[in-house]
Each structure stands twice: as structure tokens, then as C-alpha cells.
Amino acid sequence: MIKVYKLDSLKYTPFDENFILNDYLYLSERLKFVEHPKDAKIIITSSEKHIFRNPSLLLRNKKFLIWTNEPRVSTKQKSFRLFNLFSKIHVMNVYTKSVFVNQVTYQKKRFKSNSPLSLEVNYKKDKQCVALMSFYNGGRNSKLIVNSNNVDLIKLRSEIALYGYKYGFLDIYGKGWPQGISKEDSRNNNWVERKKEILGKYRFNLCFENTIAENYITEKIWDSIENYCLPIYFGGMGHSIYKIFPKNGFIDYAEFKTPKELFDYIAQISEVEYNERLQKCIAVYNSFIAKPESFWIDTKKQQLDKIIETCENMMSN
């Protein structure tokens, strides 16, 4: 059994026993988690910055594995060395395509615990468009270059939200916005229920991801759909969203040139088109509810087996 040491907490990953216990137990059948780095063959961390903070480990010539499901934490696209004399640092992240095995890798709990959404509901709501997001200084420092492309979406979605707010098209909920813009921070003790309350009042939801990365589809679009709120999403630059969604379902900002074009379109959309788009989104949502248990078991097994296989390959080289 390969002895491994966690250099940082690795929260919300398969290495976190407090996140999804079954994932941790599955890994524990092949990997032995030890309490001290001197006892480990492989040191696992979420970022190279933790290695820099522990330079003595490099001198011990340990093997290192960076594993993260956050696109901004590690942007390496292959294994590398910090210095030529030291061991190669192996990488598993969204860019090596070894973390998310499909577009719903972390969504089992959502789809297995919910009932199919109705296609016959009354979609009429009092309010028009909402954005639930933190400001992050408007994305001024959020540029993220991968393969010569800026895959950041924080700056763009902030600009759209501010335009919509300025002209009365959109309400904003979230932290860090300039005074008077956000209706509330909205991150109370029961954020899940509060989000449902908010989305239940609106027809459209501006719900971009933070970053464009293959199979990186978080809760944002699913939360919108399950509350019968038509998503405004970004599906451009080779995003994998169209591997599971049809065209003309969610509103894709990649098809618009300016925020004005987007909000002009929303203002004139007919009830027929709105309902047709939302029903397409609901159909996708319901298709995952209908997936057999074997689909979710295989999804998880693929993800965890990639970790074990990588560790075994590291030990054999």
C-alpha cells in the first residue's frame, strides 16, 4: 500500500474524509494516509505554493502530486520540476483532464435526492433578472491565461451585472459590491434555502462560472434550473456545456456582443420562447435524475481510480 501525506487540508476533495467519506474510504483501500511526511512515499497537495512553503521536503527527494478541482489553484498542464535537481511534481487538475470525468462529477447528491422537475408549472414571476455572485473587485485582478486565452469570467460577468443594475434590468445579491448595489450579502446560515427563495422570484439568472475549463460545471446553472429560473450562462471558447445541453436552451452570452444586446433580447423575449428554452433546460436536469445508480458509481470510480493509477505510476517511475 502506497503511503501518502497530505501537505494541506485538501478540503472538498476526495482526500478530505469530512467531505465525501466514501471517496476517502475508497482511496484508503489503496493509499495509506500517514501523519508525518517522513513516513510518506508521496506528498499530496492542492498547490505548488504549499511546496514552496516547505522547501525541506524537496531536499528529502520526496515524490509530489498536486491535485485540485479548482481551475485557479493550479494551471499547470503537465508534470514539472521546481528545480532541475529535484523530483518531478505530478499534476492532476482541470487542465490535465484528470479531475472531472464528466460534466456532473460532483452532482450526484443533487440529482439523487430531487424529484423530476415539472414541465407544466406556471413560469410567471414577479421579477425579471438576478445575479447571485461576489464582486471580487469587479474582476480587476482575475485574469487567468491558459493556452494564450484569458479563461476568466469574473470580470465579464461583473460588467454585465453592473450594466444591468445601472439601467434597472437586474438585481444583485452577494458580497463585496460597492455600497448600495447589492440587496444583501445573501450568505446567511442557510444559504441553500435562501438561494431558493431568491431564485424563485426571478425569471432569469446571470450565473456564469468563475472560469472556463472543460467539464467544470458547478452548482450555478443547476440551482437556476431547479428553481425554474432561466440561466444566462457563458458557453463560448470551447466550453463543454453543449455536450449535455442543446442549443437554444439556456441563454448563452457568447452569442451577444454587449450587455445591452443581452438585456434588449431579454426584454423582448416571448413567453413561448421563454417556456421552450426553460423546458429544454428542465429536460436536461431530469435526464440526470433518471440516470441509474450505475452511472454515478462509474463516474466516481473513474475519478478515484485516476488518482490511484497516477500514484502507482509515480511509484513505478
C-alpha atoms as a PDB file:
ATOM      1  CA  MET A   1       0.000   0.000   0.000  1.00  0.00           C
ATOM      2  CA  ILE A   2       1.391   3.402  -1.012  1.00  0.00           C
ATOM      3  CA  LYS A   3       1.969   5.746   1.922  1.00  0.00           C
ATOM      4  CA  VAL A   4       0.812   9.303   1.254  1.00  0.00           C
ATOM      5  CA  TYR A   5       0.873  12.509   3.269  1.00  0.00           C
ATOM      6  CA  LYS A   6      -1.480  15.479   2.842  1.00  0.00           C
ATOM      7  CA  LEU A   7       0.565  18.660   2.880  1.00  0.00           C
ATOM      8  CA  ASP A   8      -2.536  20.826   3.284  1.00  0.00           C
ATOM      9  CA  SER A   9      -6.143  20.136   4.214  1.00  0.00           C
ATOM     10  CA  LEU A  10      -7.281  19.379   0.627  1.00  0.00           C
ATOM     11  CA  LYS A  11     -10.780  20.429   1.660  1.00  0.00           C
ATOM     12  CA  TYR A  12     -13.694  19.423  -0.538  1.00  0.00           C
ATOM     13  CA  THR A  13     -11.663  16.839  -2.425  1.00  0.00           C
ATOM     14  CA  PRO A  14     -11.636  13.018  -2.333  1.00  0.00           C
ATOM     15  CA  PHE A  15      -8.735  13.289   0.146  1.00  0.00           C
ATOM     16  CA  ASP A  16     -10.964  15.026   2.710  1.00  0.00           C
ATOM     17  CA  GLU A  17     -12.691  12.495   4.970  1.00  0.00           C
ATOM     18  CA  ASN A  18     -15.105  15.226   6.080  1.00  0.00           C
ATOM     19  CA  PHE A  19     -16.309  15.901   2.534  1.00  0.00           C
ATOM     20  CA  ILE A  20     -17.469  12.639   0.931  1.00  0.00           C
ATOM     21  CA  LEU A  21     -16.486   9.858   3.311  1.00  0.00           C
ATOM     22  CA  ASN A  22     -16.988   7.050   0.790  1.00  0.00           C
ATOM     23  CA  ASP A  23     -14.481   8.676  -1.577  1.00  0.00           C
ATOM     24  CA  TYR A  24     -11.880   8.842   1.176  1.00  0.00           C
ATOM     25  CA  LEU A  25     -12.549   5.251   2.218  1.00  0.00           C
ATOM     26  CA  TYR A  26     -12.221   4.057  -1.384  1.00  0.00           C
ATOM     27  CA  LEU A  27      -8.833   5.728  -1.680  1.00  0.00           C
ATOM     28  CA  SER A  28      -7.810   4.345   1.706  1.00  0.00           C
ATOM     29  CA  GLU A  29      -8.116   0.829   0.354  1.00  0.00           C
ATOM     30  CA  ARG A  30      -5.097   1.503  -1.901  1.00  0.00           C
ATOM     31  CA  LEU A  31      -3.413   4.507  -0.294  1.00  0.00           C
ATOM     32  CA  LYS A  32      -2.305   4.707   3.332  1.00  0.00           C
ATOM     33  CA  PHE A  33      -2.620   8.225   4.752  1.00  0.00           C
ATOM     34  CA  VAL A  34       0.197   8.873   7.225  1.00  0.00           C
ATOM     35  CA  GLU A  35       0.631  11.554   9.881  1.00  0.00           C
ATOM     36  CA  HIS A  36       4.146  12.726   9.035  1.00  0.00           C
ATOM     37  CA  PRO A  37       5.841  13.490   5.695  1.00  0.00           C
ATOM     38  CA  LYS A  38       8.944  11.487   6.599  1.00  0.00           C
ATOM     39  CA  ASP A  39       6.810   8.324   6.540  1.00  0.00           C
ATOM     40  CA  ALA A  40       5.291   9.015   3.133  1.00  0.00           C
ATOM     41  CA  LYS A  41       6.323   7.950  -0.340  1.00  0.00           C
ATOM     42  CA  ILE A  42       4.112  10.574  -1.988  1.00  0.00           C
ATOM     43  CA  ILE A  43       3.194  14.011  -0.685  1.00  0.00           C
ATOM     44  CA  ILE A  44      -0.148  15.283  -1.969  1.00  0.00           C
ATOM     45  CA  THR A  45      -1.072  18.959  -2.016  1.00  0.00           C
ATOM     46  CA  SER A  46      -3.547  21.274  -3.723  1.00  0.00           C
ATOM     47  CA  SER A  47      -0.981  23.810  -4.912  1.00  0.00           C
ATOM     48  CA  GLU A  48       2.704  24.254  -5.543  1.00  0.00           C
ATOM     49  CA  LYS A  49       2.698  27.178  -3.100  1.00  0.00           C
ATOM     50  CA  HIS A  50       2.490  24.674  -0.250  1.00  0.00           C
ATOM     51  CA  ILE A  51       5.639  23.005  -1.558  1.00  0.00           C
ATOM     52  CA  PHE A  52       7.439  26.354  -1.653  1.00  0.00           C
ATOM     53  CA  ARG A  53       6.472  26.859   1.983  1.00  0.00           C
ATOM     54  CA  ASN A  54       8.051  23.538   2.901  1.00  0.00           C
ATOM     55  CA  PRO A  55      11.377  23.559   0.996  1.00  0.00           C
ATOM     56  CA  SER A  56      12.937  20.971   3.311  1.00  0.00           C
ATOM     57  CA  LEU A  57      10.656  18.357   1.763  1.00  0.00           C
ATOM     58  CA  LEU A  58      12.324  18.905  -1.589  1.00  0.00           C
ATOM     59  CA  LEU A  59      15.661  18.088  -0.060  1.00  0.00           C
ATOM     60  CA  ARG A  60      14.288  14.733   1.066  1.00  0.00           C
ATOM     61  CA  ASN A  61      13.640  13.888  -2.568  1.00  0.00           C
ATOM     62  CA  LYS A  62      10.009  13.002  -1.974  1.00  0.00           C
ATOM     63  CA  LYS A  63       7.515  12.423  -4.763  1.00  0.00           C
ATOM     64  CA  PHE A  64       4.840  15.135  -5.070  1.00  0.00           C
ATOM     65  CA  LEU A  65       1.326  15.157  -6.505  1.00  0.00           C
ATOM     66  CA  ILE A  66      -0.709  18.329  -6.973  1.00  0.00           C
ATOM     67  CA  TRP A  67      -4.430  17.543  -7.081  1.00  0.00           C
ATOM     68  CA  THR A  68      -7.071  20.256  -7.323  1.00  0.00           C
ATOM     69  CA  ASN A  69     -10.514  20.668  -8.857  1.00  0.00           C
ATOM     70  CA  GLU A  70     -10.288  24.483  -8.782  1.00  0.00           C
ATOM     71  CA  PRO A  71      -9.105  25.961 -12.107  1.00  0.00           C
ATOM     72  CA  ARG A  72      -7.348  28.896 -10.449  1.00  0.00           C
ATOM     73  CA  VAL A  73      -5.350  26.961  -7.863  1.00  0.00           C
ATOM     74  CA  SER A  74      -3.140  25.162 -10.383  1.00  0.00           C
ATOM     75  CA  THR A  75      -2.826  25.982 -14.070  1.00  0.00           C
ATOM     76  CA  LYS A  76      -0.027  23.551 -14.938  1.00  0.00           C
ATOM     77  CA  GLN A  77      -0.892  21.332 -17.875  1.00  0.00           C
ATOM     78  CA  LYS A  78       1.676  18.627 -17.262  1.00  0.00           C
ATOM     79  CA  SER A  79       4.155  17.457 -14.687  1.00  0.00           C
ATOM     80  CA  PHE A  80       7.081  19.775 -13.960  1.00  0.00           C
ATOM     81  CA  ARG A  81      10.108  20.400 -11.748  1.00  0.00           C
ATOM     82  CA  LEU A  82      10.565  23.385  -9.463  1.00  0.00           C
ATOM     83  CA  PHE A  83      14.295  22.986  -9.815  1.00  0.00           C
ATOM     84  CA  ASN A  84      16.197  20.651 -12.113  1.00  0.00           C
ATOM     85  CA  LEU A  85      17.838  18.686  -9.331  1.00  0.00           C
ATOM     86  CA  PHE A  86      14.630  17.821  -7.522  1.00  0.00           C
ATOM     87  CA  SER A  87      11.875  15.315  -8.152  1.00  0.00           C
ATOM     88  CA  LYS A  88       9.232  15.834 -10.802  1.00  0.00           C
ATOM     89  CA  ILE A  89       5.948  17.198  -9.447  1.00  0.00           C
ATOM     90  CA  HIS A  90       2.987  15.379 -10.936  1.00  0.00           C
ATOM     91  CA  VAL A  91      -0.222  17.261 -11.652  1.00  0.00           C
ATOM     92  CA  MET A  92      -3.897  16.352 -11.691  1.00  0.00           C
ATOM     93  CA  ASN A  93      -6.182  19.294 -12.382  1.00  0.00           C
ATOM     94  CA  VAL A  94      -8.817  20.501 -14.845  1.00  0.00           C
ATOM     95  CA  TYR A  95      -6.174  21.237 -17.482  1.00  0.00           C
ATOM     96  CA  THR A  96      -4.697  17.735 -17.391  1.00  0.00           C
ATOM     97  CA  LYS A  97      -8.306  16.494 -17.754  1.00  0.00           C
ATOM     98  CA  SER A  98      -7.839  14.065 -14.884  1.00  0.00           C
ATOM     99  CA  VAL A  99     -10.159  15.523 -12.242  1.00  0.00           C
ATOM    100  CA  PHE A 100     -13.632  15.912 -13.768  1.00  0.00           C
ATOM    101  CA  VAL A 101     -14.510  12.771 -15.716  1.00  0.00           C
ATOM    102  CA  ASN A 102     -17.786  14.242 -16.992  1.00  0.00           C
ATOM    103  CA  GLN A 103     -19.932  17.360 -16.611  1.00  0.00           C
ATOM    104  CA  VAL A 104     -21.656  16.203 -13.399  1.00  0.00           C
ATOM    105  CA  THR A 105     -18.795  14.618 -11.474  1.00  0.00           C
ATOM    106  CA  TYR A 106     -19.834  16.250  -8.174  1.00  0.00           C
ATOM    107  CA  GLN A 107     -23.603  16.454  -8.693  1.00  0.00           C
ATOM    108  CA  LYS A 108     -24.804  13.007  -7.611  1.00  0.00           C
ATOM    109  CA  LYS A 109     -26.327  14.198  -4.325  1.00  0.00           C
ATOM    110  CA  ARG A 110     -28.357  16.849  -6.114  1.00  0.00           C
ATOM    111  CA  PHE A 111     -29.851  14.565  -8.716  1.00  0.00           C
ATOM    112  CA  LYS A 112     -30.343  11.518  -6.489  1.00  0.00           C
ATOM    113  CA  SER A 113     -32.174  13.484  -3.795  1.00  0.00           C
ATOM    114  CA  ASN A 114     -34.523  15.513  -6.004  1.00  0.00           C
ATOM    115  CA  SER A 115     -37.679  14.580  -7.864  1.00  0.00           C
ATOM    116  CA  PRO A 116     -38.073  15.332 -11.581  1.00  0.00           C
ATOM    117  CA  LEU A 117     -38.978  18.936 -12.316  1.00  0.00           C
ATOM    118  CA  SER A 118     -42.378  19.652 -13.800  1.00  0.00           C
ATOM    119  CA  LEU A 119     -42.742  20.830 -17.372  1.00  0.00           C
ATOM    120  CA  GLU A 120     -46.239  22.118 -16.632  1.00  0.00           C
ATOM    121  CA  VAL A 121     -45.510  24.731 -13.955  1.00  0.00           C
ATOM    122  CA  ASN A 122     -46.583  28.336 -14.236  1.00  0.00           C
ATOM    123  CA  TYR A 123     -43.347  30.171 -15.037  1.00  0.00           C
ATOM    124  CA  LYS A 124     -44.788  33.661 -14.481  1.00  0.00           C
ATOM    125  CA  LYS A 125     -42.765  35.509 -11.844  1.00  0.00           C
ATOM    126  CA  ASP A 126     -42.783  38.995 -10.401  1.00  0.00           C
ATOM    127  CA  LYS A 127     -39.153  39.916 -11.020  1.00  0.00           C
ATOM    128  CA  GLN A 128     -37.027  39.873 -14.143  1.00  0.00           C
ATOM    129  CA  CYS A 129     -33.286  39.168 -13.743  1.00  0.00           C
ATOM    130  CA  VAL A 130     -30.966  38.426 -10.830  1.00  0.00           C
ATOM    131  CA  ALA A 131     -27.253  37.825 -10.225  1.00  0.00           C
ATOM    132  CA  LEU A 132     -26.059  35.961  -7.138  1.00  0.00           C
ATOM    133  CA  MET A 133     -22.293  36.483  -7.040  1.00  0.00           C
ATOM    134  CA  SER A 134     -19.471  38.077  -5.111  1.00  0.00           C
ATOM    135  CA  PHE A 135     -17.831  41.184  -6.578  1.00  0.00           C
ATOM    136  CA  TYR A 136     -14.140  40.171  -6.306  1.00  0.00           C
ATOM    137  CA  ASN A 137     -13.187  43.781  -7.038  1.00  0.00           C
ATOM    138  CA  GLY A 138     -15.006  43.566 -10.342  1.00  0.00           C
ATOM    139  CA  GLY A 139     -12.506  41.067 -11.698  1.00  0.00           C
ATOM    140  CA  ARG A 140      -9.756  43.686 -11.949  1.00  0.00           C
ATOM    141  CA  ASN A 141      -7.179  41.136 -10.835  1.00  0.00           C
ATOM    142  CA  SER A 142      -8.848  37.939 -12.034  1.00  0.00           C
ATOM    143  CA  LYS A 143      -7.224  37.493 -15.452  1.00  0.00           C
ATOM    144  CA  LEU A 144      -6.238  33.843 -15.978  1.00  0.00           C
ATOM    145  CA  ILE A 145      -4.229  32.966 -19.081  1.00  0.00           C
ATOM    146  CA  VAL A 146      -4.263  29.344 -20.241  1.00  0.00           C
ATOM    147  CA  ASN A 147      -3.047  28.375 -23.727  1.00  0.00           C
ATOM    148  CA  SER A 148      -2.797  32.090 -24.568  1.00  0.00           C
ATOM    149  CA  ASN A 149      -6.506  32.578 -23.754  1.00  0.00           C
ATOM    150  CA  ASN A 150      -7.981  34.513 -20.864  1.00  0.00           C
ATOM    151  CA  VAL A 151     -10.351  31.952 -19.340  1.00  0.00           C
ATOM    152  CA  ASP A 152     -11.543  34.267 -16.563  1.00  0.00           C
ATOM    153  CA  LEU A 153     -15.267  35.077 -16.413  1.00  0.00           C
ATOM    154  CA  ILE A 154     -15.391  37.121 -13.204  1.00  0.00           C
ATOM    155  CA  LYS A 155     -14.602  40.421 -14.922  1.00  0.00           C
ATOM    156  CA  LEU A 156     -17.098  39.849 -17.743  1.00  0.00           C
ATOM    157  CA  ARG A 157     -19.978  38.783 -15.502  1.00  0.00           C
ATOM    158  CA  SER A 158     -19.298  41.725 -13.171  1.00  0.00           C
ATOM    159  CA  GLU A 159     -19.505  44.150 -16.098  1.00  0.00           C
ATOM    160  CA  ILE A 160     -22.791  42.607 -17.246  1.00  0.00           C
ATOM    161  CA  ALA A 161     -24.240  42.701 -13.729  1.00  0.00           C
ATOM    162  CA  LEU A 162     -23.224  46.345 -13.216  1.00  0.00           C
ATOM    163  CA  TYR A 163     -24.741  47.329 -16.570  1.00  0.00           C
ATOM    164  CA  GLY A 164     -27.972  45.521 -15.730  1.00  0.00           C
ATOM    165  CA  TYR A 165     -28.086  47.149 -12.299  1.00  0.00           C
ATOM    166  CA  LYS A 166     -27.377  50.640 -13.658  1.00  0.00           C
ATOM    167  CA  TYR A 167     -30.277  50.501 -16.112  1.00  0.00           C
ATOM    168  CA  GLY A 168     -32.721  48.741 -13.809  1.00  0.00           C
ATOM    169  CA  PHE A 169     -32.707  45.365 -15.560  1.00  0.00           C
ATOM    170  CA  LEU A 170     -31.091  43.270 -12.838  1.00  0.00           C
ATOM    171  CA  ASP A 171     -30.918  42.861  -9.056  1.00  0.00           C
ATOM    172  CA  ILE A 172     -27.646  41.864  -7.385  1.00  0.00           C
ATOM    173  CA  TYR A 173     -27.134  39.710  -4.292  1.00  0.00           C
ATOM    174  CA  GLY A 174     -23.668  38.988  -2.981  1.00  0.00           C
ATOM    175  CA  LYS A 175     -20.609  40.118  -1.063  1.00  0.00           C
ATOM    176  CA  GLY A 176     -18.066  42.827  -1.775  1.00  0.00           C
ATOM    177  CA  TRP A 177     -20.075  45.067  -4.104  1.00  0.00           C
ATOM    178  CA  PRO A 178     -19.784  48.867  -3.856  1.00  0.00           C
ATOM    179  CA  GLN A 179     -22.153  50.303  -1.265  1.00  0.00           C
ATOM    180  CA  GLY A 180     -25.798  50.364  -2.253  1.00  0.00           C
ATOM    181  CA  ILE A 181     -25.588  47.920  -5.162  1.00  0.00           C
ATOM    182  CA  SER A 182     -26.135  44.528  -3.541  1.00  0.00           C
ATOM    183  CA  LYS A 183     -29.507  43.896  -1.923  1.00  0.00           C
ATOM    184  CA  GLU A 184     -27.831  41.662   0.667  1.00  0.00           C
ATOM    185  CA  ASP A 185     -24.727  39.555   1.134  1.00  0.00           C
ATOM    186  CA  SER A 186     -27.089  36.560   0.976  1.00  0.00           C
ATOM    187  CA  ARG A 187     -24.549  34.230   2.581  1.00  0.00           C
ATOM    188  CA  ASN A 188     -26.548  33.578   5.728  1.00  0.00           C
ATOM    189  CA  ASN A 189     -26.502  30.401   7.802  1.00  0.00           C
ATOM    190  CA  ASN A 190     -28.778  28.570   5.375  1.00  0.00           C
ATOM    191  CA  TRP A 191     -27.507  29.738   2.011  1.00  0.00           C
ATOM    192  CA  VAL A 192     -29.091  26.832   0.136  1.00  0.00           C
ATOM    193  CA  GLU A 193     -32.600  27.755   1.249  1.00  0.00           C
ATOM    194  CA  ARG A 194     -32.006  31.479   0.850  1.00  0.00           C
ATOM    195  CA  LYS A 195     -30.833  30.930  -2.721  1.00  0.00           C
ATOM    196  CA  LYS A 196     -34.053  29.060  -3.459  1.00  0.00           C
ATOM    197  CA  GLU A 197     -36.092  31.934  -2.029  1.00  0.00           C
ATOM    198  CA  ILE A 198     -34.288  34.448  -4.211  1.00  0.00           C
ATOM    199  CA  LEU A 199     -34.267  32.471  -7.453  1.00  0.00           C
ATOM    200  CA  GLY A 200     -37.920  31.575  -7.002  1.00  0.00           C
ATOM    201  CA  LYS A 201     -38.846  35.241  -7.581  1.00  0.00           C
ATOM    202  CA  TYR A 202     -36.927  35.802 -10.832  1.00  0.00           C
ATOM    203  CA  ARG A 203     -37.284  34.772 -14.468  1.00  0.00           C
ATOM    204  CA  PHE A 204     -33.587  34.955 -15.434  1.00  0.00           C
ATOM    205  CA  ASN A 205     -30.376  34.265 -13.542  1.00  0.00           C
ATOM    206  CA  LEU A 206     -26.940  35.538 -14.586  1.00  0.00           C
ATOM    207  CA  CYS A 207     -24.920  32.527 -13.454  1.00  0.00           C
ATOM    208  CA  PHE A 208     -21.531  32.390 -15.192  1.00  0.00           C
ATOM    209  CA  GLU A 209     -18.822  30.165 -13.786  1.00  0.00           C
ATOM    210  CA  ASN A 210     -15.727  31.884 -12.385  1.00  0.00           C
ATOM    211  CA  THR A 211     -13.583  30.248 -15.050  1.00  0.00           C
ATOM    212  CA  ILE A 212     -13.851  28.380 -18.352  1.00  0.00           C
ATOM    213  CA  ALA A 213     -12.485  24.844 -18.071  1.00  0.00           C
ATOM    214  CA  GLU A 214     -13.520  21.545 -19.629  1.00  0.00           C
ATOM    215  CA  ASN A 215     -16.227  19.754 -17.616  1.00  0.00           C
ATOM    216  CA  TYR A 216     -16.042  22.500 -14.972  1.00  0.00           C
ATOM    217  CA  ILE A 217     -19.776  22.965 -14.453  1.00  0.00           C
ATOM    218  CA  THR A 218     -20.629  23.846 -10.876  1.00  0.00           C
ATOM    219  CA  GLU A 219     -23.884  24.248  -8.979  1.00  0.00           C
ATOM    220  CA  LYS A 220     -24.697  27.618 -10.573  1.00  0.00           C
ATOM    221  CA  ILE A 221     -26.631  26.507 -13.648  1.00  0.00           C
ATOM    222  CA  TRP A 222     -28.309  23.604 -11.828  1.00  0.00           C
ATOM    223  CA  ASP A 223     -29.513  25.827  -8.962  1.00  0.00           C
ATOM    224  CA  SER A 224     -31.067  28.134 -11.517  1.00  0.00           C
ATOM    225  CA  ILE A 225     -32.900  25.387 -13.384  1.00  0.00           C
ATOM    226  CA  GLU A 226     -34.260  23.609 -10.333  1.00  0.00           C
ATOM    227  CA  ASN A 227     -35.835  26.900  -9.253  1.00  0.00           C
ATOM    228  CA  TYR A 228     -37.421  27.408 -12.694  1.00  0.00           C
ATOM    229  CA  CYS A 229     -35.176  30.369 -13.455  1.00  0.00           C
ATOM    230  CA  LEU A 230     -33.778  30.513 -16.998  1.00  0.00           C
ATOM    231  CA  PRO A 231     -29.955  30.599 -16.823  1.00  0.00           C
ATOM    232  CA  ILE A 232     -27.854  33.232 -18.552  1.00  0.00           C
ATOM    233  CA  TYR A 233     -24.618  31.292 -18.900  1.00  0.00           C
ATOM    234  CA  PHE A 234     -21.389  31.533 -20.871  1.00  0.00           C
ATOM    235  CA  GLY A 235     -20.878  28.608 -23.239  1.00  0.00           C
ATOM    236  CA  GLY A 236     -18.206  30.015 -25.517  1.00  0.00           C
ATOM    237  CA  MET A 237     -14.491  29.320 -26.004  1.00  0.00           C
ATOM    238  CA  GLY A 238     -14.968  25.575 -26.324  1.00  0.00           C
ATOM    239  CA  HIS A 239     -16.910  25.178 -23.095  1.00  0.00           C
ATOM    240  CA  SER A 240     -18.150  21.609 -22.665  1.00  0.00           C
ATOM    241  CA  ILE A 241     -21.655  22.701 -21.629  1.00  0.00           C
ATOM    242  CA  TYR A 242     -23.057  21.768 -25.043  1.00  0.00           C
ATOM    243  CA  LYS A 243     -22.059  18.168 -24.543  1.00  0.00           C
ATOM    244  CA  ILE A 244     -25.120  17.902 -22.303  1.00  0.00           C
ATOM    245  CA  PHE A 245     -27.309  20.907 -23.211  1.00  0.00           C
ATOM    246  CA  PRO A 246     -28.965  21.516 -26.587  1.00  0.00           C
ATOM    247  CA  LYS A 247     -28.698  24.834 -28.373  1.00  0.00           C
ATOM    248  CA  ASN A 248     -31.310  27.467 -27.548  1.00  0.00           C
ATOM    249  CA  GLY A 249     -31.891  26.195 -24.036  1.00  0.00           C
ATOM    250  CA  PHE A 250     -30.117  28.479 -21.572  1.00  0.00           C
ATOM    251  CA  ILE A 251     -29.294  31.958 -22.866  1.00  0.00           C
ATOM    252  CA  ASP A 252     -25.657  31.921 -23.951  1.00  0.00           C
ATOM    253  CA  TYR A 253     -23.934  35.276 -23.521  1.00  0.00           C
ATOM    254  CA  ALA A 254     -21.299  34.125 -26.010  1.00  0.00           C
ATOM    255  CA  GLU A 255     -23.931  34.852 -28.677  1.00  0.00           C
ATOM    256  CA  PHE A 256     -24.119  38.544 -27.705  1.00  0.00           C
ATOM    257  CA  LYS A 257     -21.612  41.340 -28.240  1.00  0.00           C
ATOM    258  CA  THR A 258     -22.576  43.677 -25.398  1.00  0.00           C
ATOM    259  CA  PRO A 259     -24.622  43.682 -22.185  1.00  0.00           C
ATOM    260  CA  LYS A 260     -27.073  45.999 -23.953  1.00  0.00           C
ATOM    261  CA  GLU A 261     -27.712  43.356 -26.629  1.00  0.00           C
ATOM    262  CA  LEU A 262     -28.352  40.777 -23.921  1.00  0.00           C
ATOM    263  CA  PHE A 263     -30.837  42.870 -21.960  1.00  0.00           C
ATOM    264  CA  ASP A 264     -32.585  44.081 -25.130  1.00  0.00           C
ATOM    265  CA  TYR A 265     -33.084  40.431 -26.046  1.00  0.00           C
ATOM    266  CA  ILE A 266     -34.411  39.543 -22.591  1.00  0.00           C
ATOM    267  CA  ALA A 267     -36.828  42.474 -22.716  1.00  0.00           C
ATOM    268  CA  GLN A 268     -38.442  41.284 -25.953  1.00  0.00           C
ATOM    269  CA  ILE A 269     -38.400  37.503 -25.472  1.00  0.00           C
ATOM    270  CA  SER A 270     -41.849  35.981 -25.937  1.00  0.00           C
ATOM    271  CA  GLU A 271     -43.492  33.752 -23.342  1.00  0.00           C
ATOM    272  CA  VAL A 272     -43.473  30.923 -25.883  1.00  0.00           C
ATOM    273  CA  GLU A 273     -39.722  31.140 -26.452  1.00  0.00           C
ATOM    274  CA  TYR A 274     -39.024  31.603 -22.744  1.00  0.00           C
ATOM    275  CA  ASN A 275     -41.021  28.488 -21.880  1.00  0.00           C
ATOM    276  CA  GLU A 276     -39.425  26.467 -24.684  1.00  0.00           C
ATOM    277  CA  ARG A 277     -35.925  27.378 -23.513  1.00  0.00           C
ATOM    278  CA  LEU A 278     -36.662  26.631 -19.879  1.00  0.00           C
ATOM    279  CA  GLN A 279     -38.294  23.319 -20.775  1.00  0.00           C
ATOM    280  CA  LYS A 280     -35.138  22.278 -22.656  1.00  0.00           C
ATOM    281  CA  CYS A 281     -33.102  23.047 -19.542  1.00  0.00           C
ATOM    282  CA  ILE A 282     -35.530  21.119 -17.352  1.00  0.00           C
ATOM    283  CA  ALA A 283     -35.317  18.140 -19.714  1.00  0.00           C
ATOM    284  CA  VAL A 284     -31.530  18.050 -19.262  1.00  0.00           C
ATOM    285  CA  TYR A 285     -31.915  18.301 -15.494  1.00  0.00           C
ATOM    286  CA  ASN A 286     -34.464  15.487 -15.429  1.00  0.00           C
ATOM    287  CA  SER A 287     -32.266  13.310 -17.647  1.00  0.00           C
ATOM    288  CA  PHE A 288     -29.675  13.174 -14.865  1.00  0.00           C
ATOM    289  CA  ILE A 289     -32.304  12.388 -12.259  1.00  0.00           C
ATOM    290  CA  ALA A 290     -33.229   9.420 -14.453  1.00  0.00           C
ATOM    291  CA  LYS A 291     -29.661   8.120 -14.613  1.00  0.00           C
ATOM    292  CA  PRO A 292     -29.261   4.687 -12.981  1.00  0.00           C
ATOM    293  CA  GLU A 293     -27.139   4.290  -9.865  1.00  0.00           C
ATOM    294  CA  SER A 294     -24.524   2.573 -12.019  1.00  0.00           C
ATOM    295  CA  PHE A 295     -23.871   5.870 -13.850  1.00  0.00           C
ATOM    296  CA  TRP A 296     -22.935   7.622 -10.619  1.00  0.00           C
ATOM    297  CA  ILE A 297     -20.915   4.687  -9.326  1.00  0.00           C
ATOM    298  CA  ASP A 298     -18.932   4.566 -12.571  1.00  0.00           C
ATOM    299  CA  THR A 299     -18.415   8.352 -12.542  1.00  0.00           C
ATOM    300  CA  LYS A 300     -16.961   8.280  -9.060  1.00  0.00           C
ATOM    301  CA  LYS A 301     -14.916   5.145  -9.701  1.00  0.00           C
ATOM    302  CA  GLN A 302     -13.318   6.710 -12.771  1.00  0.00           C
ATOM    303  CA  GLN A 303     -12.304   9.786 -10.823  1.00  0.00           C
ATOM    304  CA  LEU A 304     -10.860   7.883  -7.867  1.00  0.00           C
ATOM    305  CA  ASP A 305      -9.152   5.244  -9.991  1.00  0.00           C
ATOM    306  CA  LYS A 306      -7.312   8.001 -11.858  1.00  0.00           C
ATOM    307  CA  ILE A 307      -5.808   9.111  -8.548  1.00  0.00           C
ATOM    308  CA  ILE A 308      -4.748   5.600  -7.600  1.00  0.00           C
ATOM    309  CA  GLU A 309      -3.360   4.899 -11.072  1.00  0.00           C
ATOM    310  CA  THR A 310      -1.341   8.131 -11.003  1.00  0.00           C
ATOM    311  CA  CYS A 311       0.144   7.283  -7.596  1.00  0.00           C
ATOM    312  CA  GLU A 312       1.036   3.763  -8.751  1.00  0.00           C
ATOM    313  CA  ASN A 313       2.693   5.140 -11.880  1.00  0.00           C
ATOM    314  CA  MET A 314       4.638   7.636  -9.795  1.00  0.00           C
ATOM    315  CA  MET A 315       5.997   4.801  -7.654  1.00  0.00           C
ATOM    316  CA  SER A 316       6.987   2.713 -10.640  1.00  0.00           C
ATOM    317  CA  ASN A 317       8.965   5.505 -12.308  1.00  0.00           C
END
